[in-house]
Amino acid sequence: MTLDFSPVWAGWEALATGAATTIEVTACSLVLGCVLGLLVGIGRLAPQRRVVYGICTAYLTFHTRHALARAAFHPVLRLPQFGIMLPGVCVRRCSDSRL
């Protein structure tokens, strides 16, 4: 069995451009994430500054709980794609109008 890579080699410029864009976006996300994390961490160090401490705590709490909720509900909401329907769980396209 031989694999034909001619379409890949024909479009190598588009692949290189896509790879470069991916690396750029990853680097920017890494820098922005580190800066934001540092600022939130520093903001939580001084509870005497109530406003800054409150904003940083609210931001951190929201994102921590949002990730936990997404991780908990994501598998449940994907079950209908595999033909598993749980009673009481309705995603956007329910065929039963009583739900």
PDB file of N, CA and C in Angstrom:
ATOM      1  N   MET A   1       0.845  -1.172   0.000  1.00  0.00           N
ATOM      2  CA  MET A   1       0.000   0.000   0.000  1.00  0.00           C
ATOM      3  C   MET A   1       0.891   1.236   0.000  1.00  0.00           C
ATOM      4  N   THR A   2       0.660   2.100  -0.930  1.00  0.00           N
ATOM      5  CA  THR A   2       1.429   3.339  -0.998  1.00  0.00           C
ATOM      6  C   THR A   2       0.484   4.513  -0.793  1.00  0.00           C
ATOM      7  N   LEU A   3       0.979   5.507  -0.126  1.00  0.00           N
ATOM      8  CA  LEU A   3       0.194   6.706   0.135  1.00  0.00           C
ATOM      9  C   LEU A   3       0.610   7.785  -0.844  1.00  0.00           C
ATOM     10  N   ASP A   4      -0.371   8.493  -1.352  1.00  0.00           N
ATOM     11  CA  ASP A   4      -0.123   9.553  -2.322  1.00  0.00           C
ATOM     12  C   ASP A   4      -0.115  10.895  -1.597  1.00  0.00           C
ATOM     13  N   PHE A   5       1.044  11.480  -1.460  1.00  0.00           N
ATOM     14  CA  PHE A   5       1.191  12.774  -0.789  1.00  0.00           C
ATOM     15  C   PHE A   5       1.282  13.943  -1.767  1.00  0.00           C
ATOM     16  N   SER A   6       0.978  13.708  -3.027  1.00  0.00           N
ATOM     17  CA  SER A   6       1.093  14.789  -4.007  1.00  0.00           C
ATOM     18  C   SER A   6       0.171  15.977  -3.695  1.00  0.00           C
ATOM     19  N   PRO A   7      -1.067  15.774  -3.196  1.00  0.00           N
ATOM     20  CA  PRO A   7      -1.870  16.956  -2.836  1.00  0.00           C
ATOM     21  C   PRO A   7      -1.263  17.751  -1.690  1.00  0.00           C
ATOM     22  N   VAL A   8      -0.602  17.063  -0.779  1.00  0.00           N
ATOM     23  CA  VAL A   8       0.039  17.757   0.339  1.00  0.00           C
ATOM     24  C   VAL A   8       1.200  18.593  -0.170  1.00  0.00           C
ATOM     25  N   TRP A   9       2.026  17.993  -0.998  1.00  0.00           N
ATOM     26  CA  TRP A   9       3.186  18.729  -1.518  1.00  0.00           C
ATOM     27  C   TRP A   9       2.763  19.846  -2.459  1.00  0.00           C
ATOM     28  N   ALA A  10       1.627  19.687  -3.128  1.00  0.00           N
ATOM     29  CA  ALA A  10       1.143  20.749  -4.021  1.00  0.00           C
ATOM     30  C   ALA A  10       0.669  21.962  -3.227  1.00  0.00           C
ATOM     31  N   GLY A  11       0.161  21.729  -2.030  1.00  0.00           N
ATOM     32  CA  GLY A  11      -0.347  22.843  -1.235  1.00  0.00           C
ATOM     33  C   GLY A  11       0.527  23.157  -0.036  1.00  0.00           C
ATOM     34  N   TRP A  12       1.828  22.982  -0.159  1.00  0.00           N
ATOM     35  CA  TRP A  12       2.722  23.178   0.995  1.00  0.00           C
ATOM     36  C   TRP A  12       2.749  24.623   1.456  1.00  0.00           C
ATOM     37  N   GLU A  13       2.527  25.580   0.543  1.00  0.00           N
ATOM     38  CA  GLU A  13       2.549  26.990   0.955  1.00  0.00           C
ATOM     39  C   GLU A  13       1.381  27.302   1.898  1.00  0.00           C
ATOM     40  N   ALA A  14       0.212  26.770   1.579  1.00  0.00           N
ATOM     41  CA  ALA A  14      -0.945  26.986   2.441  1.00  0.00           C
ATOM     42  C   ALA A  14      -0.740  26.305   3.803  1.00  0.00           C
ATOM     43  N   LEU A  15      -0.148  25.115   3.784  1.00  0.00           N
ATOM     44  CA  LEU A  15       0.140  24.431   5.050  1.00  0.00           C
ATOM     45  C   LEU A  15       1.156  25.201   5.884  1.00  0.00           C
ATOM     46  N   ALA A  16       2.170  25.746   5.240  1.00  0.00           N
ATOM     47  CA  ALA A  16       3.185  26.524   5.967  1.00  0.00           C
ATOM     48  C   ALA A  16       2.576  27.803   6.537  1.00  0.00           C
ATOM     49  N   THR A  17       1.716  28.448   5.765  1.00  0.00           N
ATOM     50  CA  THR A  17       1.050  29.655   6.256  1.00  0.00           C
ATOM     51  C   THR A  17       0.155  29.327   7.456  1.00  0.00           C
ATOM     52  N   GLY A  18      -0.584  28.236   7.366  1.00  0.00           N
ATOM     53  CA  GLY A  18      -1.435  27.824   8.480  1.00  0.00           C
ATOM     54  C   GLY A  18      -0.629  27.467   9.722  1.00  0.00           C
ATOM     55  N   ALA A  19       0.497  26.798   9.536  1.00  0.00           N
ATOM     56  CA  ALA A  19       1.352  26.447  10.677  1.00  0.00           C
ATOM     57  C   ALA A  19       1.932  27.702  11.321  1.00  0.00           C
ATOM     58  N   ALA A  20       2.358  28.660  10.504  1.00  0.00           N
ATOM     59  CA  ALA A  20       2.903  29.909  11.047  1.00  0.00           C
ATOM     60  C   ALA A  20       1.835  30.687  11.807  1.00  0.00           C
ATOM     61  N   THR A  21       0.629  30.731  11.267  1.00  0.00           N
ATOM     62  CA  THR A  21      -0.468  31.413  11.958  1.00  0.00           C
ATOM     63  C   THR A  21      -0.786  30.732  13.286  1.00  0.00           C
ATOM     64  N   THR A  22      -0.772  29.412  13.296  1.00  0.00           N
ATOM     65  CA  THR A  22      -1.025  28.676  14.535  1.00  0.00           C
ATOM     66  C   THR A  22       0.026  28.989  15.585  1.00  0.00           C
ATOM     67  N   ILE A  23       1.266  29.047  15.179  1.00  0.00           N
ATOM     68  CA  ILE A  23       2.350  29.363  16.116  1.00  0.00           C
ATOM     69  C   ILE A  23       2.212  30.792  16.640  1.00  0.00           C
ATOM     70  N   GLU A  24       1.847  31.742  15.773  1.00  0.00           N
ATOM     71  CA  GLU A  24       1.659  33.126  16.199  1.00  0.00           C
ATOM     72  C   GLU A  24       0.522  33.257  17.213  1.00  0.00           C
ATOM     73  N   VAL A  25      -0.613  32.613  16.926  1.00  0.00           N
ATOM     74  CA  VAL A  25      -1.757  32.680  17.831  1.00  0.00           C
ATOM     75  C   VAL A  25      -1.419  32.023  19.168  1.00  0.00           C
ATOM     76  N   THR A  26      -0.697  30.909  19.130  1.00  0.00           N
ATOM     77  CA  THR A  26      -0.309  30.221  20.351  1.00  0.00           C
ATOM     78  C   THR A  26       0.623  31.090  21.189  1.00  0.00           C
ATOM     79  N   ALA A  27       1.591  31.734  20.553  1.00  0.00           N
ATOM     80  CA  ALA A  27       2.525  32.601  21.283  1.00  0.00           C
ATOM     81  C   ALA A  27       1.798  33.791  21.902  1.00  0.00           C
ATOM     82  N   CYS A  28       0.899  34.416  21.146  1.00  0.00           N
ATOM     83  CA  CYS A  28       0.135  35.551  21.687  1.00  0.00           C
ATOM     84  C   CYS A  28      -0.746  35.116  22.850  1.00  0.00           C
ATOM     85  N   SER A  29      -1.394  33.961  22.728  1.00  0.00           N
ATOM     86  CA  SER A  29      -2.237  33.465  23.811  1.00  0.00           C
ATOM     87  C   SER A  29      -1.419  33.158  25.051  1.00  0.00           C
ATOM     88  N   LEU A  30      -0.246  32.599  24.853  1.00  0.00           N
ATOM     89  CA  LEU A  30       0.627  32.294  25.982  1.00  0.00           C
ATOM     90  C   LEU A  30       1.048  33.559  26.711  1.00  0.00           C
ATOM     91  N   VAL A  31       1.456  34.568  25.963  1.00  0.00           N
ATOM     92  CA  VAL A  31       1.891  35.825  26.584  1.00  0.00           C
ATOM     93  C   VAL A  31       0.727  36.509  27.294  1.00  0.00           C
ATOM     94  N   LEU A  32      -0.416  36.619  26.622  1.00  0.00           N
ATOM     95  CA  LEU A  32      -1.569  37.278  27.241  1.00  0.00           C
ATOM     96  C   LEU A  32      -2.071  36.511  28.456  1.00  0.00           C
ATOM     97  N   GLY A  33      -2.074  35.168  28.382  1.00  0.00           N
ATOM     98  CA  GLY A  33      -2.501  34.369  29.518  1.00  0.00           C
ATOM     99  C   GLY A  33      -1.582  34.530  30.717  1.00  0.00           C
ATOM    100  N   CYS A  34      -0.269  34.585  30.457  1.00  0.00           N
ATOM    101  CA  CYS A  34       0.682  34.779  31.559  1.00  0.00           C
ATOM    102  C   CYS A  34       0.530  36.164  32.184  1.00  0.00           C
ATOM    103  N   VAL A  35       0.373  37.191  31.353  1.00  0.00           N
ATOM    104  CA  VAL A  35       0.212  38.552  31.871  1.00  0.00           C
ATOM    105  C   VAL A  35      -1.083  38.664  32.679  1.00  0.00           C
ATOM    106  N   LEU A  36      -2.182  38.138  32.143  1.00  0.00           N
ATOM    107  CA  LEU A  36      -3.450  38.207  32.856  1.00  0.00           C
ATOM    108  C   LEU A  36      -3.395  37.406  34.154  1.00  0.00           C
ATOM    109  N   GLY A  37      -2.801  36.229  34.122  1.00  0.00           N
ATOM    110  CA  GLY A  37      -2.669  35.431  35.336  1.00  0.00           C
ATOM    111  C   GLY A  37      -1.821  36.108  36.385  1.00  0.00           C
ATOM    112  N   LEU A  38      -0.754  36.767  35.948  1.00  0.00           N
ATOM    113  CA  LEU A  38       0.103  37.501  36.882  1.00  0.00           C
ATOM    114  C   LEU A  38      -0.652  38.667  37.513  1.00  0.00           C
ATOM    115  N   LEU A  39      -1.399  39.400  36.706  1.00  0.00           N
ATOM    116  CA  LEU A  39      -2.159  40.534  37.237  1.00  0.00           C
ATOM    117  C   LEU A  39      -3.250  40.082  38.215  1.00  0.00           C
ATOM    118  N   VAL A  40      -3.949  39.010  37.872  1.00  0.00           N
ATOM    119  CA  VAL A  40      -4.987  38.505  38.778  1.00  0.00           C
ATOM    120  C   VAL A  40      -4.348  37.981  40.060  1.00  0.00           C
ATOM    121  N   GLY A  41      -3.233  37.296  39.939  1.00  0.00           N
ATOM    122  CA  GLY A  41      -2.545  36.794  41.129  1.00  0.00           C
ATOM    123  C   GLY A  41      -2.055  37.906  42.035  1.00  0.00           C
ATOM    124  N   ILE A  42      -1.493  38.942  41.439  1.00  0.00           N
ATOM    125  CA  ILE A  42      -1.033  40.087  42.236  1.00  0.00           C
ATOM    126  C   ILE A  42      -2.224  40.815  42.859  1.00  0.00           C
ATOM    127  N   GLY A  43      -3.311  40.913  42.106  1.00  0.00           N
ATOM    128  CA  GLY A  43      -4.510  41.563  42.633  1.00  0.00           C
ATOM    129  C   GLY A  43      -5.110  40.827  43.811  1.00  0.00           C
ATOM    130  N   ARG A  44      -4.911  39.526  43.895  1.00  0.00           N
ATOM    131  CA  ARG A  44      -5.457  38.754  45.018  1.00  0.00           C
ATOM    132  C   ARG A  44      -4.534  38.739  46.221  1.00  0.00           C
ATOM    133  N   LEU A  45      -3.355  39.323  46.110  1.00  0.00           N
ATOM    134  CA  LEU A  45      -2.416  39.317  47.230  1.00  0.00           C
ATOM    135  C   LEU A  45      -2.758  40.337  48.309  1.00  0.00           C
ATOM    136  N   ALA A  46      -3.502  41.380  47.942  1.00  0.00           N
ATOM    137  CA  ALA A  46      -3.783  42.459  48.893  1.00  0.00           C
ATOM    138  C   ALA A  46      -5.277  42.575  49.152  1.00  0.00           C
ATOM    139  N   PRO A  47      -5.801  41.872  50.162  1.00  0.00           N
ATOM    140  CA  PRO A  47      -7.236  41.994  50.457  1.00  0.00           C
ATOM    141  C   PRO A  47      -7.622  43.367  50.994  1.00  0.00           C
ATOM    142  N   GLN A  48      -6.635  44.209  51.345  1.00  0.00           N
ATOM    143  CA  GLN A  48      -6.960  45.550  51.830  1.00  0.00           C
ATOM    144  C   GLN A  48      -7.557  46.396  50.709  1.00  0.00           C
ATOM    145  N   ARG A  49      -7.166  46.157  49.487  1.00  0.00           N
ATOM    146  CA  ARG A  49      -7.760  46.855  48.338  1.00  0.00           C
ATOM    147  C   ARG A  49      -8.982  46.052  47.907  1.00  0.00           C
ATOM    148  N   ARG A  50     -10.094  46.376  48.505  1.00  0.00           N
ATOM    149  CA  ARG A  50     -11.290  45.559  48.355  1.00  0.00           C
ATOM    150  C   ARG A  50     -11.795  45.476  46.913  1.00  0.00           C
ATOM    151  N   VAL A  51     -11.760  46.569  46.181  1.00  0.00           N
ATOM    152  CA  VAL A  51     -12.304  46.568  44.826  1.00  0.00           C
ATOM    153  C   VAL A  51     -11.462  45.678  43.914  1.00  0.00           C
ATOM    154  N   VAL A  52     -10.143  45.869  43.939  1.00  0.00           N
ATOM    155  CA  VAL A  52      -9.255  45.074  43.096  1.00  0.00           C
ATOM    156  C   VAL A  52      -9.326  43.607  43.501  1.00  0.00           C
ATOM    157  N   TYR A  53      -9.307  43.351  44.792  1.00  0.00           N
ATOM    158  CA  TYR A  53      -9.382  41.984  45.301  1.00  0.00           C
ATOM    159  C   TYR A  53     -10.708  41.330  44.893  1.00  0.00           C
ATOM    160  N   GLY A  54     -11.786  42.069  44.981  1.00  0.00           N
ATOM    161  CA  GLY A  54     -13.097  41.537  44.607  1.00  0.00           C
ATOM    162  C   GLY A  54     -13.199  41.221  43.128  1.00  0.00           C
ATOM    163  N   ILE A  55     -12.704  42.116  42.284  1.00  0.00           N
ATOM    164  CA  ILE A  55     -12.742  41.879  40.838  1.00  0.00           C
ATOM    165  C   ILE A  55     -11.900  40.660  40.473  1.00  0.00           C
ATOM    166  N   CYS A  56     -10.705  40.568  41.036  1.00  0.00           N
ATOM    167  CA  CYS A  56      -9.823  39.432  40.739  1.00  0.00           C
ATOM    168  C   CYS A  56     -10.412  38.123  41.249  1.00  0.00           C
ATOM    169  N   THR A  57     -11.019  38.151  42.422  1.00  0.00           N
ATOM    170  CA  THR A  57     -11.629  36.944  42.972  1.00  0.00           C
ATOM    171  C   THR A  57     -12.830  36.524  42.141  1.00  0.00           C
ATOM    172  N   ALA A  58     -13.657  37.481  41.731  1.00  0.00           N
ATOM    173  CA  ALA A  58     -14.823  37.164  40.904  1.00  0.00           C
ATOM    174  C   ALA A  58     -14.392  36.585  39.557  1.00  0.00           C
ATOM    175  N   TYR A  59     -13.378  37.169  38.946  1.00  0.00           N
ATOM    176  CA  TYR A  59     -12.873  36.678  37.664  1.00  0.00           C
ATOM    177  C   TYR A  59     -12.360  35.250  37.803  1.00  0.00           C
ATOM    178  N   LEU A  60     -11.576  35.020  38.822  1.00  0.00           N
ATOM    179  CA  LEU A  60     -10.996  33.696  39.045  1.00  0.00           C
ATOM    180  C   LEU A  60     -12.074  32.670  39.376  1.00  0.00           C
ATOM    181  N   THR A  61     -13.026  33.033  40.214  1.00  0.00           N
ATOM    182  CA  THR A  61     -14.093  32.117  40.588  1.00  0.00           C
ATOM    183  C   THR A  61     -14.957  31.761  39.387  1.00  0.00           C
ATOM    184  N   PHE A  62     -15.302  32.759  38.574  1.00  0.00           N
ATOM    185  CA  PHE A  62     -16.122  32.504  37.387  1.00  0.00           C
ATOM    186  C   PHE A  62     -15.437  31.532  36.455  1.00  0.00           C
ATOM    187  N   HIS A  63     -14.179  31.787  36.136  1.00  0.00           N
ATOM    188  CA  HIS A  63     -13.483  30.930  35.172  1.00  0.00           C
ATOM    189  C   HIS A  63     -13.195  29.549  35.739  1.00  0.00           C
ATOM    190  N   THR A  64     -12.973  29.445  37.024  1.00  0.00           N
ATOM    191  CA  THR A  64     -12.749  28.133  37.623  1.00  0.00           C
ATOM    192  C   THR A  64     -14.033  27.309  37.583  1.00  0.00           C
ATOM    193  N   ARG A  65     -15.146  27.910  37.959  1.00  0.00           N
ATOM    194  CA  ARG A  65     -16.416  27.175  37.972  1.00  0.00           C
ATOM    195  C   ARG A  65     -16.940  26.928  36.574  1.00  0.00           C
ATOM    196  N   HIS A  66     -16.675  27.840  35.650  1.00  0.00           N
ATOM    197  CA  HIS A  66     -17.120  27.650  34.272  1.00  0.00           C
ATOM    198  C   HIS A  66     -16.441  26.434  33.663  1.00  0.00           C
ATOM    199  N   ALA A  67     -15.157  26.261  33.905  1.00  0.00           N
ATOM    200  CA  ALA A  67     -14.443  25.099  33.376  1.00  0.00           C
ATOM    201  C   ALA A  67     -14.964  23.807  33.997  1.00  0.00           C
ATOM    202  N   LEU A  68     -15.279  23.839  35.284  1.00  0.00           N
ATOM    203  CA  LEU A  68     -15.809  22.655  35.950  1.00  0.00           C
ATOM    204  C   LEU A  68     -17.189  22.304  35.413  1.00  0.00           C
ATOM    205  N   ALA A  69     -18.035  23.288  35.221  1.00  0.00           N
ATOM    206  CA  ALA A  69     -19.376  23.035  34.691  1.00  0.00           C
ATOM    207  C   ALA A  69     -19.305  22.521  33.260  1.00  0.00           C
ATOM    208  N   ARG A  70     -18.426  23.096  32.462  1.00  0.00           N
ATOM    209  CA  ARG A  70     -18.273  22.643  31.082  1.00  0.00           C
ATOM    210  C   ARG A  70     -17.782  21.205  31.040  1.00  0.00           C
ATOM    211  N   ALA A  71     -16.837  20.865  31.897  1.00  0.00           N
ATOM    212  CA  ALA A  71     -16.322  19.501  31.934  1.00  0.00           C
ATOM    213  C   ALA A  71     -17.381  18.522  32.414  1.00  0.00           C
ATOM    214  N   ALA A  72     -18.261  18.961  33.303  1.00  0.00           N
ATOM    215  CA  ALA A  72     -19.294  18.071  33.834  1.00  0.00           C
ATOM    216  C   ALA A  72     -20.429  17.854  32.838  1.00  0.00           C
ATOM    217  N   PHE A  73     -20.854  18.907  32.138  1.00  0.00           N
ATOM    218  CA  PHE A  73     -22.016  18.797  31.272  1.00  0.00           C
ATOM    219  C   PHE A  73     -21.699  18.449  29.832  1.00  0.00           C
ATOM    220  N   HIS A  74     -20.500  18.650  29.396  1.00  0.00           N
ATOM    221  CA  HIS A  74     -20.154  18.388  27.995  1.00  0.00           C
ATOM    222  C   HIS A  74     -20.419  16.931  27.595  1.00  0.00           C
ATOM    223  N   PRO A  75     -19.968  15.951  28.365  1.00  0.00           N
ATOM    224  CA  PRO A  75     -20.258  14.569  27.955  1.00  0.00           C
ATOM    225  C   PRO A  75     -21.746  14.251  27.933  1.00  0.00           C
ATOM    226  N   VAL A  76     -22.507  14.814  28.867  1.00  0.00           N
ATOM    227  CA  VAL A  76     -23.937  14.537  28.924  1.00  0.00           C
ATOM    228  C   VAL A  76     -24.641  15.110  27.702  1.00  0.00           C
ATOM    229  N   LEU A  77     -24.239  16.288  27.270  1.00  0.00           N
ATOM    230  CA  LEU A  77     -24.886  16.917  26.123  1.00  0.00           C
ATOM    231  C   LEU A  77     -24.467  16.287  24.803  1.00  0.00           C
ATOM    232  N   ARG A  78     -23.417  15.492  24.789  1.00  0.00           N
ATOM    233  CA  ARG A  78     -22.970  14.810  23.577  1.00  0.00           C
ATOM    234  C   ARG A  78     -23.555  13.410  23.429  1.00  0.00           C
ATOM    235  N   LEU A  79     -24.217  12.900  24.453  1.00  0.00           N
ATOM    236  CA  LEU A  79     -24.768  11.546  24.398  1.00  0.00           C
ATOM    237  C   LEU A  79     -25.781  11.337  23.270  1.00  0.00           C
ATOM    238  N   PRO A  80     -26.678  12.309  22.965  1.00  0.00           N
ATOM    239  CA  PRO A  80     -27.629  12.078  21.868  1.00  0.00           C
ATOM    240  C   PRO A  80     -26.955  11.826  20.516  1.00  0.00           C
ATOM    241  N   GLN A  81     -25.747  12.300  20.313  1.00  0.00           N
ATOM    242  CA  GLN A  81     -25.054  12.028  19.056  1.00  0.00           C
ATOM    243  C   GLN A  81     -24.738  10.544  18.895  1.00  0.00           C
ATOM    244  N   PHE A  82     -24.692   9.836  20.019  1.00  0.00           N
ATOM    245  CA  PHE A  82     -24.412   8.409  19.986  1.00  0.00           C
ATOM    246  C   PHE A  82     -25.677   7.580  20.176  1.00  0.00           C
ATOM    247  N   GLY A  83     -26.842   8.240  20.115  1.00  0.00           N
ATOM    248  CA  GLY A  83     -28.108   7.541  20.226  1.00  0.00           C
ATOM    249  C   GLY A  83     -28.556   7.274  21.648  1.00  0.00           C
ATOM    250  N   ILE A  84     -27.916   7.879  22.626  1.00  0.00           N
ATOM    251  CA  ILE A  84     -28.288   7.686  24.021  1.00  0.00           C
ATOM    252  C   ILE A  84     -29.092   8.895  24.469  1.00  0.00           C
ATOM    253  N   MET A  85     -30.372   8.671  24.728  1.00  0.00           N
ATOM    254  CA  MET A  85     -31.244   9.759  25.153  1.00  0.00           C
ATOM    255  C   MET A  85     -31.565   9.578  26.632  1.00  0.00           C
ATOM    256  N   LEU A  86     -31.212  10.530  27.446  1.00  0.00           N
ATOM    257  CA  LEU A  86     -31.528  10.497  28.865  1.00  0.00           C
ATOM    258  C   LEU A  86     -32.822  11.262  29.116  1.00  0.00           C
ATOM    259  N   PRO A  87     -33.699  10.738  29.964  1.00  0.00           N
ATOM    260  CA  PRO A  87     -34.928  11.488  30.245  1.00  0.00           C
ATOM    261  C   PRO A  87     -34.610  12.771  31.011  1.00  0.00           C
ATOM    262  N   GLY A  88     -35.193  13.854  30.581  1.00  0.00           N
ATOM    263  CA  GLY A  88     -34.980  15.126  31.248  1.00  0.00           C
ATOM    264  C   GLY A  88     -33.828  15.935  30.689  1.00  0.00           C
ATOM    265  N   VAL A  89     -33.066  15.365  29.778  1.00  0.00           N
ATOM    266  CA  VAL A  89     -31.959  16.086  29.159  1.00  0.00           C
ATOM    267  C   VAL A  89     -32.377  16.414  27.741  1.00  0.00           C
ATOM    268  N   CYS A  90     -32.478  17.694  27.461  1.00  0.00           N
ATOM    269  CA  CYS A  90     -32.924  18.126  26.147  1.00  0.00           C
ATOM    270  C   CYS A  90     -31.919  19.119  25.584  1.00  0.00           C
ATOM    271  N   VAL A  91     -31.382  18.811  24.437  1.00  0.00           N
ATOM    272  CA  VAL A  91     -30.516  19.762  23.758  1.00  0.00           C
ATOM    273  C   VAL A  91     -31.367  20.550  22.786  1.00  0.00           C
ATOM    274  N   ARG A  92     -30.804  21.433  22.036  1.00  0.00           N
ATOM    275  CA  ARG A  92     -31.566  22.382  21.204  1.00  0.00           C
ATOM    276  C   ARG A  92     -32.611  21.727  20.302  1.00  0.00           C
ATOM    277  N   ARG A  93     -32.300  20.594  19.720  1.00  0.00           N
ATOM    278  CA  ARG A  93     -33.199  20.005  18.751  1.00  0.00           C
ATOM    279  C   ARG A  93     -33.954  18.815  19.348  1.00  0.00           C
ATOM    280  N   CYS A  94     -34.868  19.085  20.236  1.00  0.00           N
ATOM    281  CA  CYS A  94     -35.687  18.009  20.800  1.00  0.00           C
ATOM    282  C   CYS A  94     -36.848  17.731  19.858  1.00  0.00           C
ATOM    283  N   SER A  95     -37.069  16.466  19.598  1.00  0.00           N
ATOM    284  CA  SER A  95     -38.188  16.121  18.740  1.00  0.00           C
ATOM    285  C   SER A  95     -39.485  16.087  19.529  1.00  0.00           C
ATOM    286  N   ASP A  96     -39.408  15.932  20.826  1.00  0.00           N
ATOM    287  CA  ASP A  96     -40.593  15.881  21.668  1.00  0.00           C
ATOM    288  C   ASP A  96     -40.932  17.288  22.136  1.00  0.00           C
ATOM    289  N   SER A  97     -42.060  17.822  21.729  1.00  0.00           N
ATOM    290  CA  SER A  97     -42.405  19.210  22.080  1.00  0.00           C
ATOM    291  C   SER A  97     -42.869  19.328  23.536  1.00  0.00           C
ATOM    292  N   ARG A  98     -43.108  18.217  24.207  1.00  0.00           N
ATOM    293  CA  ARG A  98     -43.547  18.291  25.597  1.00  0.00           C
ATOM    294  C   ARG A  98     -42.410  18.639  26.537  1.00  0.00           C
ATOM    295  N   LEU A  99     -41.164  18.509  26.112  1.00  0.00           N
ATOM    296  CA  LEU A  99     -40.024  18.773  26.989  1.00  0.00           C
ATOM    297  C   LEU A  99     -39.772  20.198  27.092  1.00  0.00           C
TER     298      LEU A  99
END
